[in-house]
Protein backbone atom coordinates (compact mmCIF):
# COMPACT_ATOMS: atom_id res chain seq x y z
CA UNK A 1 143.97 131.47 167.92
CA UNK A 2 143.64 133.64 164.43
CA UNK A 3 144.60 130.95 162.32
CA UNK A 4 141.39 128.48 164.05
CA UNK A 5 139.44 131.14 163.82
CA UNK A 6 140.11 131.64 159.66
CA UNK A 7 139.33 127.97 159.48
CA UNK A 8 135.50 127.49 161.36
CA UNK A 9 133.99 128.75 158.53
CA UNK A 10 135.92 126.29 156.03
CA UNK A 11 135.56 123.37 157.88
CA UNK A 12 131.50 123.84 158.57
CA UNK A 13 131.03 124.46 154.69
CA UNK A 14 133.15 120.78 154.37
CA UNK A 15 130.90 119.51 157.40
CA UNK A 16 128.10 120.79 155.99
CA UNK A 17 129.09 119.54 152.12
CA UNK A 18 130.18 115.61 153.24
CA UNK A 19 125.88 115.61 155.23
CA UNK A 20 124.53 116.78 151.94
CA UNK A 21 127.25 114.07 150.06
CA UNK A 22 126.11 111.01 152.85
CA UNK A 23 122.46 112.20 152.33
CA UNK A 24 122.53 111.88 148.39
CA UNK A 25 124.39 108.01 148.93
CA UNK A 26 121.75 107.03 151.06
CA UNK A 27 119.07 107.66 148.65
CA UNK A 28 120.72 106.75 145.71
CA UNK A 29 122.47 103.68 146.59
CA UNK A 30 126.45 104.73 146.00
CA UNK A 31 128.18 108.62 145.59
CA UNK A 32 128.06 107.18 141.70
CA UNK A 33 124.24 106.47 141.63
CA UNK A 34 123.86 110.42 143.17
CA UNK A 35 125.75 112.33 140.51
CA UNK A 36 124.11 110.54 138.36
CA UNK A 37 120.86 111.57 139.62
CA UNK A 38 122.19 115.08 139.64
CA UNK A 39 123.44 115.76 136.78
CA UNK A 40 121.46 113.16 134.50
CA UNK A 41 119.26 115.55 132.26
CA UNK A 42 117.99 112.84 129.68
CA UNK A 43 117.10 110.16 132.13
CA UNK A 44 119.19 107.41 130.54
CA UNK A 45 121.14 106.80 133.49
CA UNK A 46 124.63 107.44 132.59
CA UNK A 47 126.57 111.05 131.88
CA UNK A 48 127.20 112.27 128.47
CA UNK A 49 129.81 114.65 127.82
CA UNK A 50 127.39 117.65 127.60
CA UNK A 51 125.49 116.48 130.82
CA UNK A 52 129.20 115.87 133.18
CA UNK A 53 129.86 119.80 131.78
CA UNK A 54 127.75 121.25 134.46
CA UNK A 55 129.12 119.00 137.42
CA UNK A 56 131.21 121.72 139.21
CA UNK A 57 134.15 119.29 139.26
CA UNK A 58 134.81 118.48 135.51
CA UNK A 59 135.09 121.63 133.91
CA UNK A 60 134.22 121.68 129.97
CA UNK A 61 132.47 118.62 129.74
CA UNK A 62 135.32 116.82 131.94
CA UNK A 63 137.88 116.90 129.16
CA UNK A 64 140.99 114.51 130.02
CA UNK A 65 138.65 113.43 133.77
CA UNK A 66 135.79 112.13 131.20
CA UNK A 67 137.68 109.96 129.64
CA UNK A 68 140.13 108.79 132.19
CA UNK A 69 136.82 108.01 134.19
CA UNK A 70 134.93 106.46 130.99
CA UNK A 71 136.76 103.37 131.28
CA UNK A 72 134.87 101.58 128.02
CA UNK A 73 134.98 104.50 126.08
CA UNK A 74 131.57 104.81 125.03
CA UNK A 75 131.37 108.42 125.51
CA UNK A 76 129.36 108.18 129.02
CA UNK A 77 129.85 108.15 132.54
CA UNK A 78 127.91 104.61 133.93
CA UNK A 79 127.21 104.61 137.69
CA UNK A 80 130.23 101.42 137.58
CA UNK A 81 132.39 103.79 136.49
CA UNK A 82 131.84 106.54 138.88
CA UNK A 83 131.59 104.38 141.81
CA UNK A 84 135.06 103.09 140.28
CA UNK A 85 136.76 106.14 140.30
CA UNK A 86 135.12 107.15 143.28
CA UNK A 87 136.78 104.41 145.18
CA UNK A 88 140.38 104.89 143.53
CA UNK A 89 139.69 108.41 144.72
CA UNK A 90 139.57 107.29 148.17
CA UNK A 91 142.08 104.53 148.42
CA UNK A 92 144.60 107.32 146.82
CA UNK A 93 143.90 109.39 149.80
CA UNK A 94 143.92 106.58 152.04
CA UNK A 95 147.27 106.08 151.37
CA UNK A 96 148.50 109.60 151.23
CA UNK A 97 147.76 110.13 154.83
CA UNK A 98 149.28 106.53 155.48
CA UNK A 99 152.61 107.96 153.53
CA UNK A 100 152.07 111.65 155.80
CA UNK A 101 151.80 109.62 158.76
CA UNK A 102 154.41 107.38 158.97
CA UNK A 103 156.83 110.32 157.85
CA UNK A 104 155.49 112.37 160.50
CA UNK A 105 155.89 109.40 162.86
CA UNK A 106 159.86 108.74 161.26
CA UNK A 107 160.41 112.98 162.02
CA UNK A 108 159.08 112.38 165.33
CA UNK A 109 161.03 109.80 166.57
CA UNK A 110 164.26 110.41 164.89
């Protein structure tokens, strides 16, 4: 019982973050547009390495992460590039969940 109580605050934080993210996407139209709207300090509609450095998940300008997302190599992250990366992450998570479920089924049946 103590373990489930320990998870509750984490669940509540994730739930609140999810609601804020959903609201931002509703306002701006896509995850990439919401991300750019939050960090685009010069208003050019894309993120430079300096602007991306303000993102909690892209430390030090993103380094390798920035370069991986910047598919056209122009030194800016566009809404399209960010949305593409978001779709890749969701696909990878769905695939991992499917693999986990399949392994669990195999273990339970075997």
